[in-house]
PDB file of N, CA and C in Angstrom:
ATOM      1  N   MET A   1      85.821  79.544  63.479  1.00  0.00           N
ATOM      2  CA  MET A   1      86.111  80.922  64.157  1.00  0.00           C
ATOM      3  C   MET A   1      87.276  80.338  64.694  1.00  0.00           C
ATOM      4  N   ASN A   2      88.300  81.300  64.730  1.00  0.00           N
ATOM      5  CA  ASN A   2      89.539  81.316  65.440  1.00  0.00           C
ATOM      6  C   ASN A   2      89.225  82.108  66.858  1.00  0.00           C
ATOM      7  N   GLU A   3      89.668  81.252  68.053  1.00  0.00           N
ATOM      8  CA  GLU A   3      89.496  81.882  69.184  1.00  0.00           C
ATOM      9  C   GLU A   3      90.923  82.411  69.606  1.00  0.00           C
ATOM     10  N   PRO A   4      91.172  83.481  70.232  1.00  0.00           N
ATOM     11  CA  PRO A   4      92.400  83.903  70.841  1.00  0.00           C
ATOM     12  C   PRO A   4      93.264  82.847  71.550  1.00  0.00           C
ATOM     13  N   GLN A   5      94.569  82.850  71.209  1.00  0.00           N
ATOM     14  CA  GLN A   5      95.403  81.936  71.957  1.00  0.00           C
ATOM     15  C   GLN A   5      95.871  82.360  73.424  1.00  0.00           C
ATOM     16  N   GLN A   6      95.552  81.548  74.501  1.00  0.00           N
ATOM     17  CA  GLN A   6      96.224  81.970  75.641  1.00  0.00           C
ATOM     18  C   GLN A   6      97.603  81.766  75.907  1.00  0.00           C
ATOM     19  N   VAL A   7      98.298  82.773  76.161  1.00  0.00           N
ATOM     20  CA  VAL A   7      99.678  82.856  76.519  1.00  0.00           C
ATOM     21  C   VAL A   7     100.204  83.060  77.769  1.00  0.00           C
ATOM     22  N   ASN A   8     100.624  82.264  78.570  1.00  0.00           N
ATOM     23  CA  ASN A   8     100.914  82.125  79.959  1.00  0.00           C
ATOM     24  C   ASN A   8     102.373  82.589  80.095  1.00  0.00           C
ATOM     25  N   VAL A   9     102.321  84.007  80.986  1.00  0.00           N
ATOM     26  CA  VAL A   9     103.736  84.429  80.976  1.00  0.00           C
ATOM     27  C   VAL A   9     104.063  84.556  82.628  1.00  0.00           C
ATOM     28  N   ASP A  10     105.286  84.069  83.006  1.00  0.00           N
ATOM     29  CA  ASP A  10     105.593  84.187  84.364  1.00  0.00           C
ATOM     30  C   ASP A  10     106.245  85.728  84.733  1.00  0.00           C
ATOM     31  N   LEU A  11     105.229  86.554  85.325  1.00  0.00           N
ATOM     32  CA  LEU A  11     105.563  87.639  85.409  1.00  0.00           C
ATOM     33  C   LEU A  11     106.588  88.052  86.860  1.00  0.00           C
ATOM     34  N   SER A  12     107.031  86.825  87.285  1.00  0.00           N
ATOM     35  CA  SER A  12     108.045  86.914  88.306  1.00  0.00           C
ATOM     36  C   SER A  12     109.591  87.199  87.679  1.00  0.00           C
ATOM     37  N   GLN A  13     109.454  86.700  86.231  1.00  0.00           N
ATOM     38  CA  GLN A  13     110.598  86.766  85.430  1.00  0.00           C
ATOM     39  C   GLN A  13     110.894  88.188  85.017  1.00  0.00           C
ATOM     40  N   ALA A  14     109.866  88.926  85.202  1.00  0.00           N
ATOM     41  CA  ALA A  14     109.855  90.624  84.358  1.00  0.00           C
ATOM     42  C   ALA A  14     110.672  91.400  85.408  1.00  0.00           C
ATOM     43  N   GLU A  15     111.085  92.295  84.695  1.00  0.00           N
ATOM     44  CA  GLU A  15     111.687  93.485  85.442  1.00  0.00           C
ATOM     45  C   GLU A  15     110.611  94.490  85.999  1.00  0.00           C
ATOM     46  N   ASP A  16     110.947  94.815  87.328  1.00  0.00           N
ATOM     47  CA  ASP A  16     110.380  95.624  87.949  1.00  0.00           C
ATOM     48  C   ASP A  16     110.562  97.242  87.538  1.00  0.00           C
ATOM     49  N   ILE A  17     109.504  97.950  87.255  1.00  0.00           N
ATOM     50  CA  ILE A  17     110.105  99.573  86.991  1.00  0.00           C
ATOM     51  C   ILE A  17     109.587 100.360  87.815  1.00  0.00           C
ATOM     52  N   VAL A  18     110.953 101.216  88.325  1.00  0.00           N
ATOM     53  CA  VAL A  18     110.587 102.007  89.514  1.00  0.00           C
ATOM     54  C   VAL A  18     110.599 103.381  89.002  1.00  0.00           C
ATOM     55  N   CYS A  19     110.147 104.538  89.736  1.00  0.00           N
ATOM     56  CA  CYS A  19     110.410 105.833  89.301  1.00  0.00           C
ATOM     57  C   CYS A  19     112.077 106.111  89.349  1.00  0.00           C
ATOM     58  N   GLU A  20     112.422 106.776  88.352  1.00  0.00           N
ATOM     59  CA  GLU A  20     113.710 107.125  88.378  1.00  0.00           C
ATOM     60  C   GLU A  20     114.044 108.168  89.250  1.00  0.00           C
ATOM     61  N   ASN A  21     113.076 108.907  89.967  1.00  0.00           N
ATOM     62  CA  ASN A  21     113.310 110.041  90.739  1.00  0.00           C
ATOM     63  C   ASN A  21     113.243 109.816  92.151  1.00  0.00           C
ATOM     64  N   CYS A  22     112.279 108.832  92.816  1.00  0.00           N
ATOM     65  CA  CYS A  22     111.793 108.552  94.155  1.00  0.00           C
ATOM     66  C   CYS A  22     111.809 107.013  94.180  1.00  0.00           C
ATOM     67  N   LYS A  23     112.054 106.065  93.139  1.00  0.00           N
ATOM     68  CA  LYS A  23     111.956 104.536  93.426  1.00  0.00           C
ATOM     69  C   LYS A  23     110.860 103.904  93.855  1.00  0.00           C
ATOM     70  N   ASN A  24     109.576 104.967  93.427  1.00  0.00           N
ATOM     71  CA  ASN A  24     108.413 104.076  93.828  1.00  0.00           C
ATOM     72  C   ASN A  24     108.089 103.196  92.582  1.00  0.00           C
ATOM     73  N   TYR A  25     106.997 102.420  93.228  1.00  0.00           N
ATOM     74  CA  TYR A  25     106.954 101.361  92.140  1.00  0.00           C
ATOM     75  C   TYR A  25     105.131 101.449  91.561  1.00  0.00           C
ATOM     76  N   THR A  26     104.593 102.546  91.878  1.00  0.00           N
ATOM     77  CA  THR A  26     103.546 102.811  91.216  1.00  0.00           C
ATOM     78  C   THR A  26     103.183 103.953  90.522  1.00  0.00           C
ATOM     79  N   PHE A  27     102.369 103.983  89.450  1.00  0.00           N
ATOM     80  CA  PHE A  27     102.271 104.822  88.299  1.00  0.00           C
ATOM     81  C   PHE A  27     100.924 104.854  88.008  1.00  0.00           C
ATOM     82  N   GLN A  28     100.605 106.025  87.423  1.00  0.00           N
ATOM     83  CA  GLN A  28      99.366 106.441  87.077  1.00  0.00           C
ATOM     84  C   GLN A  28      99.332 107.227  85.736  1.00  0.00           C
ATOM     85  N   GLU A  29      98.250 107.022  84.778  1.00  0.00           N
ATOM     86  CA  GLU A  29      98.136 107.388  83.621  1.00  0.00           C
ATOM     87  C   GLU A  29      97.866 108.851  83.502  1.00  0.00           C
ATOM     88  N   VAL A  30      98.627 109.538  82.751  1.00  0.00           N
ATOM     89  CA  VAL A  30      98.532 111.136  82.746  1.00  0.00           C
ATOM     90  C   VAL A  30      98.442 111.447  81.245  1.00  0.00           C
ATOM     91  N   ALA A  31      98.354 112.618  80.657  1.00  0.00           N
ATOM     92  CA  ALA A  31      98.419 113.120  79.453  1.00  0.00           C
ATOM     93  C   ALA A  31      99.366 114.336  79.158  1.00  0.00           C
ATOM     94  N   LEU A  32     100.205 114.085  78.200  1.00  0.00           N
ATOM     95  CA  LEU A  32     101.077 115.513  77.886  1.00  0.00           C
ATOM     96  C   LEU A  32      99.945 115.968  76.736  1.00  0.00           C
ATOM     97  N   MET A  33     100.088 117.148  76.547  1.00  0.00           N
ATOM     98  CA  MET A  33      99.213 117.800  75.903  1.00  0.00           C
ATOM     99  C   MET A  33     100.442 118.549  74.383  1.00  0.00           C
ATOM    100  N   LYS A  34      99.869 118.299  73.458  1.00  0.00           N
ATOM    101  CA  LYS A  34     100.607 119.091  72.256  1.00  0.00           C
ATOM    102  C   LYS A  34      99.385 119.834  71.530  1.00  0.00           C
ATOM    103  N   ARG A  35      99.781 121.125  71.261  1.00  0.00           N
ATOM    104  CA  ARG A  35      99.073 121.820  70.518  1.00  0.00           C
ATOM    105  C   ARG A  35      99.403 121.681  68.899  1.00  0.00           C
ATOM    106  N   LEU A  36      98.580 121.492  68.169  1.00  0.00           N
ATOM    107  CA  LEU A  36      98.755 121.292  66.641  1.00  0.00           C
ATOM    108  C   LEU A  36      98.445 122.571  65.798  1.00  0.00           C
ATOM    109  N   SER A  37      99.126 123.253  65.160  1.00  0.00           N
ATOM    110  CA  SER A  37      99.025 124.367  64.666  1.00  0.00           C
ATOM    111  C   SER A  37      97.810 124.084  63.461  1.00  0.00           C
ATOM    112  N   ALA A  38      97.164 125.021  63.062  1.00  0.00           N
ATOM    113  CA  ALA A  38      96.326 124.932  62.028  1.00  0.00           C
ATOM    114  C   ALA A  38      96.774 124.753  60.600  1.00  0.00           C
ATOM    115  N   LEU A  39      97.772 125.420  60.462  1.00  0.00           N
ATOM    116  CA  LEU A  39      98.686 125.278  59.101  1.00  0.00           C
ATOM    117  C   LEU A  39      99.269 123.684  58.960  1.00  0.00           C
ATOM    118  N   VAL A  40      99.287 122.791  60.165  1.00  0.00           N
ATOM    119  CA  VAL A  40      99.647 121.559  59.781  1.00  0.00           C
ATOM    120  C   VAL A  40      98.803 120.498  60.211  1.00  0.00           C
ATOM    121  N   SER A  41      97.627 120.909  60.713  1.00  0.00           N
ATOM    122  CA  SER A  41      96.583 120.036  61.140  1.00  0.00           C
ATOM    123  C   SER A  41      95.829 119.468  59.776  1.00  0.00           C
ATOM    124  N   PRO A  42      95.716 118.272  59.735  1.00  0.00           N
ATOM    125  CA  PRO A  42      94.756 117.561  58.588  1.00  0.00           C
ATOM    126  C   PRO A  42      93.351 118.311  58.565  1.00  0.00           C
ATOM    127  N   THR A  43      92.954 119.165  59.356  1.00  0.00           N
ATOM    128  CA  THR A  43      91.538 119.606  59.205  1.00  0.00           C
ATOM    129  C   THR A  43      91.513 120.808  59.196  1.00  0.00           C
ATOM    130  N   GLY A  44      92.784 121.656  59.098  1.00  0.00           N
ATOM    131  CA  GLY A  44      92.915 122.943  58.815  1.00  0.00           C
ATOM    132  C   GLY A  44      92.643 123.859  59.944  1.00  0.00           C
ATOM    133  N   LYS A  45      92.226 123.052  61.311  1.00  0.00           N
ATOM    134  CA  LYS A  45      92.244 123.773  62.444  1.00  0.00           C
ATOM    135  C   LYS A  45      93.096 123.249  63.351  1.00  0.00           C
ATOM    136  N   GLU A  46      93.127 124.379  64.554  1.00  0.00           N
ATOM    137  CA  GLU A  46      94.149 124.124  65.588  1.00  0.00           C
ATOM    138  C   GLU A  46      93.514 122.863  66.278  1.00  0.00           C
ATOM    139  N   ALA A  47      94.328 122.058  66.986  1.00  0.00           N
ATOM    140  CA  ALA A  47      93.978 120.832  67.693  1.00  0.00           C
ATOM    141  C   ALA A  47      94.625 120.619  68.737  1.00  0.00           C
ATOM    142  N   LEU A  48      94.172 120.104  69.858  1.00  0.00           N
ATOM    143  CA  LEU A  48      95.040 119.772  70.923  1.00  0.00           C
ATOM    144  C   LEU A  48      94.880 118.380  70.946  1.00  0.00           C
ATOM    145  N   VAL A  49      96.235 117.682  71.176  1.00  0.00           N
ATOM    146  CA  VAL A  49      96.479 116.068  70.845  1.00  0.00           C
ATOM    147  C   VAL A  49      96.928 115.653  72.241  1.00  0.00           C
ATOM    148  N   PRO A  50      96.263 114.985  72.633  1.00  0.00           N
ATOM    149  CA  PRO A  50      96.822 114.262  74.075  1.00  0.00           C
ATOM    150  C   PRO A  50      97.607 113.162  73.909  1.00  0.00           C
ATOM    151  N   ILE A  51      98.599 112.977  74.848  1.00  0.00           N
ATOM    152  CA  ILE A  51      99.596 111.831  74.498  1.00  0.00           C
ATOM    153  C   ILE A  51      99.784 111.300  75.857  1.00  0.00           C
ATOM    154  N   PRO A  52      99.177 109.706  75.760  1.00  0.00           N
ATOM    155  CA  PRO A  52      99.156 109.445  77.245  1.00  0.00           C
ATOM    156  C   PRO A  52     100.376 108.783  77.574  1.00  0.00           C
ATOM    157  N   VAL A  53     101.005 108.964  78.861  1.00  0.00           N
ATOM    158  CA  VAL A  53     102.209 108.586  79.501  1.00  0.00           C
ATOM    159  C   VAL A  53     101.962 108.353  80.944  1.00  0.00           C
ATOM    160  N   PHE A  54     102.712 107.605  81.824  1.00  0.00           N
ATOM    161  CA  PHE A  54     102.734 107.377  83.067  1.00  0.00           C
ATOM    162  C   PHE A  54     103.564 108.065  83.618  1.00  0.00           C
ATOM    163  N   ALA A  55     102.880 108.594  84.879  1.00  0.00           N
ATOM    164  CA  ALA A  55     103.894 109.331  86.076  1.00  0.00           C
ATOM    165  C   ALA A  55     103.770 108.744  87.279  1.00  0.00           C
ATOM    166  N   CYS A  56     104.873 108.964  88.025  1.00  0.00           N
ATOM    167  CA  CYS A  56     104.794 108.205  89.505  1.00  0.00           C
ATOM    168  C   CYS A  56     103.804 108.652  90.284  1.00  0.00           C
ATOM    169  N   ASN A  57     103.458 107.728  90.892  1.00  0.00           N
ATOM    170  CA  ASN A  57     101.971 108.137  91.556  1.00  0.00           C
ATOM    171  C   ASN A  57     102.576 108.896  92.984  1.00  0.00           C
ATOM    172  N   ALA A  58     103.765 108.730  93.458  1.00  0.00           N
ATOM    173  CA  ALA A  58     104.177 109.436  94.512  1.00  0.00           C
ATOM    174  C   ALA A  58     104.605 110.785  94.090  1.00  0.00           C
ATOM    175  N   CYS A  59     105.529 111.022  93.267  1.00  0.00           N
ATOM    176  CA  CYS A  59     106.207 112.476  93.205  1.00  0.00           C
ATOM    177  C   CYS A  59     105.644 113.147  91.949  1.00  0.00           C
ATOM    178  N   GLY A  60     105.185 112.239  90.833  1.00  0.00           N
ATOM    179  CA  GLY A  60     104.657 112.909  89.609  1.00  0.00           C
ATOM    180  C   GLY A  60     105.742 112.937  88.495  1.00  0.00           C
ATOM    181  N   TRP A  61     106.974 112.363  88.602  1.00  0.00           N
ATOM    182  CA  TRP A  61     107.819 112.330  87.785  1.00  0.00           C
ATOM    183  C   TRP A  61     107.534 111.259  86.663  1.00  0.00           C
ATOM    184  N   ILE A  62     107.899 111.422  85.395  1.00  0.00           N
ATOM    185  CA  ILE A  62     107.738 110.617  84.300  1.00  0.00           C
ATOM    186  C   ILE A  62     109.187 110.281  83.758  1.00  0.00           C
ATOM    187  N   ASN A  63     109.521 108.778  83.834  1.00  0.00           N
ATOM    188  CA  ASN A  63     110.551 108.231  83.515  1.00  0.00           C
ATOM    189  C   ASN A  63     110.978 108.518  81.955  1.00  0.00           C
ATOM    190  N   ALA A  64     111.879 108.643  81.551  1.00  0.00           N
ATOM    191  CA  ALA A  64     112.161 108.595  80.120  1.00  0.00           C
ATOM    192  C   ALA A  64     111.782 107.752  79.275  1.00  0.00           C
ATOM    193  N   ARG A  65     111.732 106.557  79.747  1.00  0.00           N
ATOM    194  CA  ARG A  65     111.308 105.429  78.847  1.00  0.00           C
ATOM    195  C   ARG A  65     109.729 105.576  78.713  1.00  0.00           C
ATOM    196  N   PHE A  66     109.068 106.609  79.612  1.00  0.00           N
ATOM    197  CA  PHE A  66     107.528 106.338  79.281  1.00  0.00           C
ATOM    198  C   PHE A  66     107.403 107.455  78.213  1.00  0.00           C
ATOM    199  N   LEU A  67     108.195 108.500  77.906  1.00  0.00           N
ATOM    200  CA  LEU A  67     107.917 109.505  77.013  1.00  0.00           C
ATOM    201  C   LEU A  67     108.184 108.786  75.617  1.00  0.00           C
ATOM    202  N   PRO A  68     107.482 109.931  74.429  1.00  0.00           N
ATOM    203  CA  PRO A  68     107.771 109.451  73.187  1.00  0.00           C
ATOM    204  C   PRO A  68     109.068 110.078  72.772  1.00  0.00           C
ATOM    205  N   ALA A  69     109.719 109.131  71.983  1.00  0.00           N
ATOM    206  CA  ALA A  69     111.232 109.279  71.427  1.00  0.00           C
ATOM    207  C   ALA A  69     111.259 110.853  71.111  1.00  0.00           C
ATOM    208  N   SER A  70     110.574 111.523  70.672  1.00  0.00           N
ATOM    209  CA  SER A  70     110.806 112.852  70.427  1.00  0.00           C
ATOM    210  C   SER A  70     110.945 113.815  71.357  1.00  0.00           C
ATOM    211  N   MET A  71     110.594 113.436  72.452  1.00  0.00           N
ATOM    212  CA  MET A  71     110.467 114.237  73.632  1.00  0.00           C
ATOM    213  C   MET A  71     111.700 113.773  74.994  1.00  0.00           C
ATOM    214  N   ARG A  72     112.103 112.767  74.566  1.00  0.00           N
ATOM    215  CA  ARG A  72     113.371 112.061  75.549  1.00  0.00           C
ATOM    216  C   ARG A  72     114.390 113.324  75.401  1.00  0.00           C
ATOM    217  N   GLY A  73     115.020 113.364  76.927  1.00  0.00           N
ATOM    218  CA  GLY A  73     115.963 114.388  77.140  1.00  0.00           C
ATOM    219  C   GLY A  73     115.409 115.612  77.421  1.00  0.00           C
ATOM    220  N   THR A  74     114.217 115.909  77.198  1.00  0.00           N
ATOM    221  CA  THR A  74     113.581 116.999  77.731  1.00  0.00           C
ATOM    222  C   THR A  74     113.136 116.846  79.150  1.00  0.00           C
ATOM    223  N   ALA A  75     113.275 117.935  80.010  1.00  0.00           N
ATOM    224  CA  ALA A  75     113.067 117.943  81.448  1.00  0.00           C
ATOM    225  C   ALA A  75     111.226 118.085  81.599  1.00  0.00           C
ATOM    226  N   ILE A  76     110.708 117.359  82.245  1.00  0.00           N
ATOM    227  CA  ILE A  76     109.218 117.500  82.580  1.00  0.00           C
ATOM    228  C   ILE A  76     109.186 117.442  84.122  1.00  0.00           C
ATOM    229  N   ALA A  77     108.892 118.525  84.615  1.00  0.00           N
ATOM    230  CA  ALA A  77     108.760 118.659  86.270  1.00  0.00           C
ATOM    231  C   ALA A  77     107.350 118.154  86.688  1.00  0.00           C
ATOM    232  N   PRO A  78     107.412 117.669  87.889  1.00  0.00           N
ATOM    233  CA  PRO A  78     106.037 117.077  88.245  1.00  0.00           C
ATOM    234  C   PRO A  78     105.578 118.489  88.844  1.00  0.00           C
ATOM    235  N   PRO A  79     104.244 118.703  88.924  1.00  0.00           N
ATOM    236  CA  PRO A  79     103.651 119.770  89.244  1.00  0.00           C
ATOM    237  C   PRO A  79     104.067 120.585  90.602  1.00  0.00           C
ATOM    238  N   SER A  80     104.555 119.964  91.666  1.00  0.00           N
ATOM    239  CA  SER A  80     104.841 120.760  92.706  1.00  0.00           C
ATOM    240  C   SER A  80     106.537 120.812  92.884  1.00  0.00           C
ATOM    241  N   ALA A  81     107.329 120.520  91.766  1.00  0.00           N
ATOM    242  CA  ALA A  81     108.899 120.257  91.780  1.00  0.00           C
ATOM    243  C   ALA A  81     108.989 121.769  91.347  1.00  0.00           C
ATOM    244  N   ASP A  82     110.549 121.878  91.736  1.00  0.00           N
ATOM    245  CA  ASP A  82     111.246 123.068  90.975  1.00  0.00           C
ATOM    246  C   ASP A  82     111.899 122.434  89.941  1.00  0.00           C
ATOM    247  N   ALA A  83     111.535 122.945  88.807  1.00  0.00           N
ATOM    248  CA  ALA A  83     112.018 122.275  87.361  1.00  0.00           C
ATOM    249  C   ALA A  83     113.534 122.749  87.358  1.00  0.00           C
ATOM    250  N   SER A  84     114.105 123.631  88.230  1.00  0.00           N
ATOM    251  CA  SER A  84     115.620 123.732  87.959  1.00  0.00           C
ATOM    252  C   SER A  84     116.414 122.509  88.531  1.00  0.00           C
ATOM    253  N   GLN A  85     115.782 121.946  89.316  1.00  0.00           N
ATOM    254  CA  GLN A  85     116.524 120.591  90.030  1.00  0.00           C
ATOM    255  C   GLN A  85     116.232 119.444  89.524  1.00  0.00           C
ATOM    256  N   LEU A  86     115.485 119.484  88.207  1.00  0.00           N
ATOM    257  CA  LEU A  86     115.052 118.247  87.722  1.00  0.00           C
ATOM    258  C   LEU A  86     115.726 118.049  86.465  1.00  0.00           C
ATOM    259  N   LYS A  87     115.775 116.546  85.949  1.00  0.00           N
ATOM    260  CA  LYS A  87     116.321 116.545  84.602  1.00  0.00           C
ATOM    261  C   LYS A  87     116.143 115.135  84.153  1.00  0.00           C
ATOM    262  N   LEU A  88     115.870 114.736  83.137  1.00  0.00           N
ATOM    263  CA  LEU A  88     115.762 113.381  82.652  1.00  0.00           C
ATOM    264  C   LEU A  88     116.821 112.998  81.969  1.00  0.00           C
ATOM    265  N   GLU A  89     117.398 111.577  82.333  1.00  0.00           N
ATOM    266  CA  GLU A  89     118.566 111.053  81.582  1.00  0.00           C
ATOM    267  C   GLU A  89     117.944 110.126  80.621  1.00  0.00           C
ATOM    268  N   VAL A  90     118.680 109.992  79.581  1.00  0.00           N
ATOM    269  CA  VAL A  90     118.588 109.203  78.450  1.00  0.00           C
ATOM    270  C   VAL A  90     119.136 108.035  78.302  1.00  0.00           C
TER     271      VAL A  90
END
């Protein structure tokens, strides 16, 4: 039986990722929701599809790199923010 090989990684050499909006270092997993029409759903019924992403723990911002490629460049406002003042840069 093959055992998984242990890989040692020096995380001091890894890049820190910060919020593009407020420079905070912590994030929490949240879900974007997509509604799948019954016309394109494999079951023939409408479905809700959660897409897991990471949002800033301080301000709710979602960095562009955390979004699916098809959604990059789309403004996603934190819950309490004024969406007219926010934009994501690719």
